[in-house]
Each structure stands twice: as C-alpha cells, then as structure tokens.
Amino acid sequence: LGLQRAADQQRRDTRRSLIITASAARASRIAAAATKESVEEAQRAAARNEELRSMLERARIYGGGMRVMQIVPGTIGGNMVVPTNSFQIHINNLGRGPAMLRRIRWGFCSADKDKMPPQPDYNAGDISFVDSVAPGAQGQLTKVIEITNPTIVQALIVRFDYYDIFLQKDDWVSFIHQITPREQLPVPIEAPDGYVRFG
C-alpha cells in the first residue's frame, strides 16, 4: 500500500512537471513571438524615420527664370526698360540638403498643350557642367540663353539633372513656362505627362 501511494504521488508529480514544462514552453514561444514582433515593429519604425529624414534633409530642386531686360534711352528723355531676346534660367533649392547641378537641357515648342510633342524635345541646348546648389538657393543663375522666335508666344522647356548629396543619388526635375513677347516674367503652363517633374 505504501508503494502504491508513492507510485501515485510520483505520477502526479511527473504530470505536474510535464504541465509546468509545457506551460513554460508555451510562454517561451509567446515571448519569442512577441519579441520578434517588437523587433519587426522597431525595424518598421526605423525605416519610417529614415524615410521621413530623407524627405526632410534632401535637396528640393525646381527651376524658373526671366527674360533679360535692358535699359535704353527713352525717345522723349529719360530711360526705358525693354525686353531683350535673352532669357536667364534659374535654379532654386527649397530643401535642407545641397545638390550638384550636372546638366541643363532646354528647348522651345508651342505653348498650346494640344500642339506639344508627346515627349519634351530639348532642341535648343544641352550643356554638362558641375555647379553647387546650396540649401535655400533662390534664383541662382545657371545659364543665359537666346530665345528662338522671340516675337511669338511659345513654351520654354527646361530640365536639370543633378546629384542629391544627402541621398547620394542622381535625380532630375523639369519645368515648362510660356514666354510672351515683351513680357519679362514667364508663366507656368499645363503640358503632357513628362514635361514637368518636381524634385
């Protein structure tokens, strides 16, 4: 009878140990899954933070410009400001990071969206060089060009190829503006896809 009780007690102890071991193993699996989930969430948060940092710290390049004006003697005394056939292409950087301008291309086409070529045609000029564009740069002169057919309303298409120093990658932006005879400032206009890209 004493041996029977001892054997029963041992079976109960063994069953209790197995239950405790199984519970501990299940708790370990839950803890491991929770740890893995925490690590994955931390990795996702780090990736989101890096993406946000890249958005904040990168260069934000865009372009513009204006017709060059000239002061000439007036017909009844004094001076007059008259437009020339030259246009200044400017580059701007609204971002926090610097950029290196590597290439400028430009061309002219109809200012009527329906008459524009399907893809931009940079038919008037293409130059490669290196110029830094600091954060906050506004109206930085890049090139003075001659306006073809300066007596008609037309569109000027410009593309900047640049290197974003913070992101360490090449990028590009483009814009299209309408140029009107005798007007100093151009006006942004609508164009087919591929004509305008913001940095």
Protein backbone atom coordinates (compact mmCIF):
# COMPACT_ATOMS: atom_id res chain seq x y z
CA LEU A 1 0.00 0.00 0.00
CA GLY A 2 2.88 2.36 0.81
CA LEU A 3 4.50 1.63 -2.53
CA GLN A 4 1.22 2.26 -4.34
CA ARG A 5 0.86 5.67 -2.71
CA ALA A 6 4.43 6.54 -3.57
CA ALA A 7 3.89 5.50 -7.21
CA ASP A 8 0.67 7.55 -7.43
CA GLN A 9 2.44 10.53 -5.91
CA GLN A 10 5.28 10.17 -8.40
CA ARG A 11 2.80 10.03 -11.34
CA ARG A 12 1.08 13.18 -10.06
CA ASP A 13 4.43 14.93 -9.64
CA THR A 14 5.53 13.84 -13.12
CA ARG A 15 2.21 15.04 -14.65
CA ARG A 16 2.55 18.34 -12.80
CA SER A 17 6.14 18.72 -14.05
CA LEU A 18 5.04 17.99 -17.62
CA ILE A 19 2.23 20.56 -17.35
CA ILE A 20 4.66 23.12 -15.92
CA THR A 21 7.21 22.34 -18.67
CA ALA A 22 4.56 22.60 -21.39
CA SER A 23 3.30 25.89 -19.92
CA ALA A 24 6.84 27.23 -19.74
CA ALA A 25 7.48 26.19 -23.37
CA ARG A 26 4.24 27.88 -24.49
CA ALA A 27 5.16 31.02 -22.52
CA SER A 28 8.62 30.98 -24.19
CA ARG A 29 7.01 30.69 -27.65
CA ILE A 30 4.67 33.59 -26.86
CA ALA A 31 7.56 35.67 -25.53
CA ALA A 32 9.67 34.82 -28.60
CA ALA A 33 6.80 35.77 -30.93
CA ALA A 34 6.26 39.00 -29.00
CA THR A 35 9.99 39.76 -29.15
CA LYS A 36 10.09 39.03 -32.88
CA GLU A 37 7.03 41.26 -33.38
CA SER A 38 8.66 44.01 -31.30
CA VAL A 39 11.87 43.76 -33.33
CA GLU A 40 9.92 43.88 -36.60
CA GLU A 41 7.93 46.90 -35.39
CA ALA A 42 11.14 48.64 -34.33
CA GLN A 43 12.61 47.93 -37.79
CA ARG A 44 9.48 49.34 -39.47
CA ALA A 45 9.64 52.44 -37.25
CA ALA A 46 13.34 52.92 -38.07
CA ALA A 47 12.58 52.61 -41.80
CA ARG A 48 9.75 55.16 -41.49
CA ASN A 49 12.05 57.53 -39.57
CA GLU A 50 14.79 57.18 -42.21
CA GLU A 51 12.27 57.82 -44.99
CA LEU A 52 10.97 60.90 -43.17
CA ARG A 53 14.53 62.11 -42.55
CA SER A 54 15.31 61.65 -46.23
CA MET A 55 12.22 63.66 -47.16
CA LEU A 56 13.27 66.46 -44.80
CA GLU A 57 17.01 66.54 -45.43
CA ARG A 58 17.14 66.06 -49.20
CA ALA A 59 17.53 68.75 -51.85
CA ARG A 60 14.26 70.16 -53.26
CA ILE A 61 15.20 71.46 -56.69
CA TYR A 62 12.97 73.41 -59.04
CA GLY A 63 13.55 75.96 -61.77
CA GLY A 64 12.36 79.19 -63.28
CA GLY A 65 13.79 82.30 -64.82
CA MET A 66 13.03 85.55 -66.59
CA ARG A 67 13.66 87.46 -69.76
CA VAL A 68 16.68 89.75 -69.61
CA MET A 69 15.66 93.41 -69.67
CA GLN A 70 17.77 96.28 -70.96
CA ILE A 71 17.75 99.96 -70.05
CA VAL A 72 17.83 102.22 -73.12
CA PRO A 73 17.42 105.96 -73.62
CA GLY A 74 13.79 107.00 -74.00
CA THR A 75 12.51 108.76 -77.09
CA ILE A 76 11.43 111.81 -75.09
CA GLY A 77 14.15 111.81 -72.47
CA GLY A 78 14.83 109.56 -69.53
CA ASN A 79 15.33 105.81 -69.82
CA MET A 80 13.11 102.88 -70.76
CA VAL A 81 13.31 99.23 -69.82
CA VAL A 82 12.85 96.99 -72.84
CA PRO A 83 12.93 93.21 -73.20
CA THR A 84 15.81 91.51 -74.97
CA ASN A 85 15.87 88.17 -76.77
CA SER A 86 17.81 86.59 -73.88
CA PHE A 87 16.40 84.52 -71.04
CA GLN A 88 18.01 83.68 -67.69
CA ILE A 89 17.45 80.12 -66.46
CA HIS A 90 17.43 79.99 -62.66
CA ILE A 91 17.63 77.09 -60.23
CA ASN A 92 16.22 77.01 -56.69
CA ASN A 93 16.66 74.65 -53.75
CA LEU A 94 13.96 74.63 -51.09
CA GLY A 95 15.43 71.57 -49.37
CA ARG A 96 17.79 71.26 -46.43
CA GLY A 97 20.42 69.35 -48.38
CA PRO A 98 22.76 70.61 -51.12
CA ALA A 99 22.79 69.40 -54.70
CA MET A 100 25.30 69.37 -57.55
CA LEU A 101 23.85 70.52 -60.86
CA ARG A 102 25.33 68.33 -63.59
CA ARG A 103 23.42 69.12 -66.77
CA ILE A 104 20.89 71.56 -68.24
CA ARG A 105 18.80 70.91 -71.33
CA TRP A 106 16.29 73.29 -72.87
CA GLY A 107 14.04 73.64 -75.87
CA PHE A 108 11.11 75.57 -77.29
CA CYS A 109 7.71 74.38 -78.52
CA SER A 110 4.13 75.53 -78.92
CA ALA A 111 2.52 76.89 -75.77
CA ASP A 112 -0.70 75.09 -76.78
CA LYS A 113 -0.86 71.79 -74.85
CA ASP A 114 -2.63 70.07 -77.77
CA LYS A 115 0.20 71.01 -80.15
CA MET A 116 3.11 69.99 -77.90
CA PRO A 117 5.14 66.90 -78.83
CA PRO A 118 4.24 63.81 -76.78
CA GLN A 119 7.68 63.98 -75.09
CA PRO A 120 9.79 67.07 -74.33
CA ASP A 121 12.22 67.96 -77.11
CA TYR A 122 15.26 69.73 -75.69
CA ASN A 123 16.15 71.03 -79.14
CA ALA A 124 17.86 74.32 -78.28
CA GLY A 125 20.65 73.39 -75.91
CA ASP A 126 22.33 70.75 -73.79
CA ILE A 127 25.30 71.52 -71.55
CA SER A 128 27.09 69.49 -68.90
CA PHE A 129 28.96 71.09 -66.02
CA VAL A 130 29.23 71.00 -62.24
CA ASP A 131 27.71 73.71 -60.07
CA SER A 132 26.67 73.50 -56.42
CA VAL A 133 23.14 74.45 -55.39
CA ALA A 134 23.12 75.26 -51.68
CA PRO A 135 20.08 74.77 -49.44
CA GLY A 136 17.87 77.85 -49.67
CA ALA A 137 19.24 78.95 -53.06
CA GLN A 138 16.72 81.20 -54.83
CA GLY A 139 17.06 82.47 -58.38
CA GLN A 140 20.59 81.11 -58.81
CA LEU A 141 21.61 81.90 -62.38
CA THR A 142 22.65 78.81 -64.31
CA LYS A 143 22.58 79.86 -67.97
CA VAL A 144 21.57 82.79 -70.21
CA ILE A 145 20.04 81.52 -73.45
CA GLU A 146 18.78 83.13 -76.62
CA ILE A 147 15.03 82.88 -77.25
CA THR A 148 14.28 81.41 -80.65
CA ASN A 149 11.45 83.21 -82.46
CA PRO A 150 11.24 85.96 -79.80
CA THR A 151 8.24 87.63 -81.46
CA ILE A 152 5.81 84.74 -80.86
CA VAL A 153 4.16 83.23 -77.80
CA GLN A 154 5.88 79.92 -77.13
CA ALA A 155 6.86 77.49 -74.38
CA LEU A 156 10.32 77.04 -72.89
CA ILE A 157 11.08 73.54 -71.56
CA VAL A 158 13.99 73.10 -69.15
CA ARG A 159 15.43 70.01 -67.46
CA PHE A 160 18.01 69.96 -64.66
CA ASP A 161 19.98 66.76 -63.97
CA TYR A 162 21.57 66.88 -60.52
CA TYR A 163 23.14 64.81 -57.76
CA ASP A 164 21.43 64.90 -54.36
CA ILE A 165 24.30 64.90 -51.88
CA PHE A 166 22.26 63.79 -48.84
CA LEU A 167 20.51 60.93 -50.65
CA GLN A 168 23.69 60.16 -52.63
CA LYS A 169 21.81 59.62 -55.88
CA ASP A 170 21.19 61.20 -59.26
CA ASP A 171 17.84 62.89 -59.84
CA TRP A 172 16.22 65.34 -62.24
CA VAL A 173 13.48 67.97 -62.44
CA SER A 174 11.86 69.76 -65.34
CA PHE A 175 9.50 72.65 -65.95
CA ILE A 176 7.69 74.39 -68.78
CA HIS A 177 6.86 78.10 -68.96
CA GLN A 178 5.12 80.24 -71.51
CA ILE A 179 7.23 83.10 -72.87
CA THR A 180 5.33 86.06 -74.25
CA PRO A 181 6.93 88.82 -76.36
CA ARG A 182 7.74 91.97 -74.39
CA GLU A 183 6.92 90.27 -71.05
CA GLN A 184 9.74 89.84 -68.55
CA LEU A 185 8.28 87.02 -66.45
CA PRO A 186 7.20 83.67 -67.89
CA VAL A 187 4.07 81.84 -66.77
CA PRO A 188 3.91 78.11 -65.85
CA ILE A 189 1.54 76.27 -68.18
CA GLU A 190 -0.06 72.85 -68.48
CA ALA A 191 1.72 70.22 -70.53
CA PRO A 192 1.52 66.49 -71.28
CA ASP A 193 2.99 63.99 -68.81
CA GLY A 194 6.77 64.01 -68.78
CA TYR A 195 7.16 67.77 -69.17
CA VAL A 196 7.01 68.69 -65.50
CA ARG A 197 8.72 66.86 -62.65
CA PHE A 198 9.30 68.24 -59.17
CA GLY A 199 12.32 67.36 -57.01
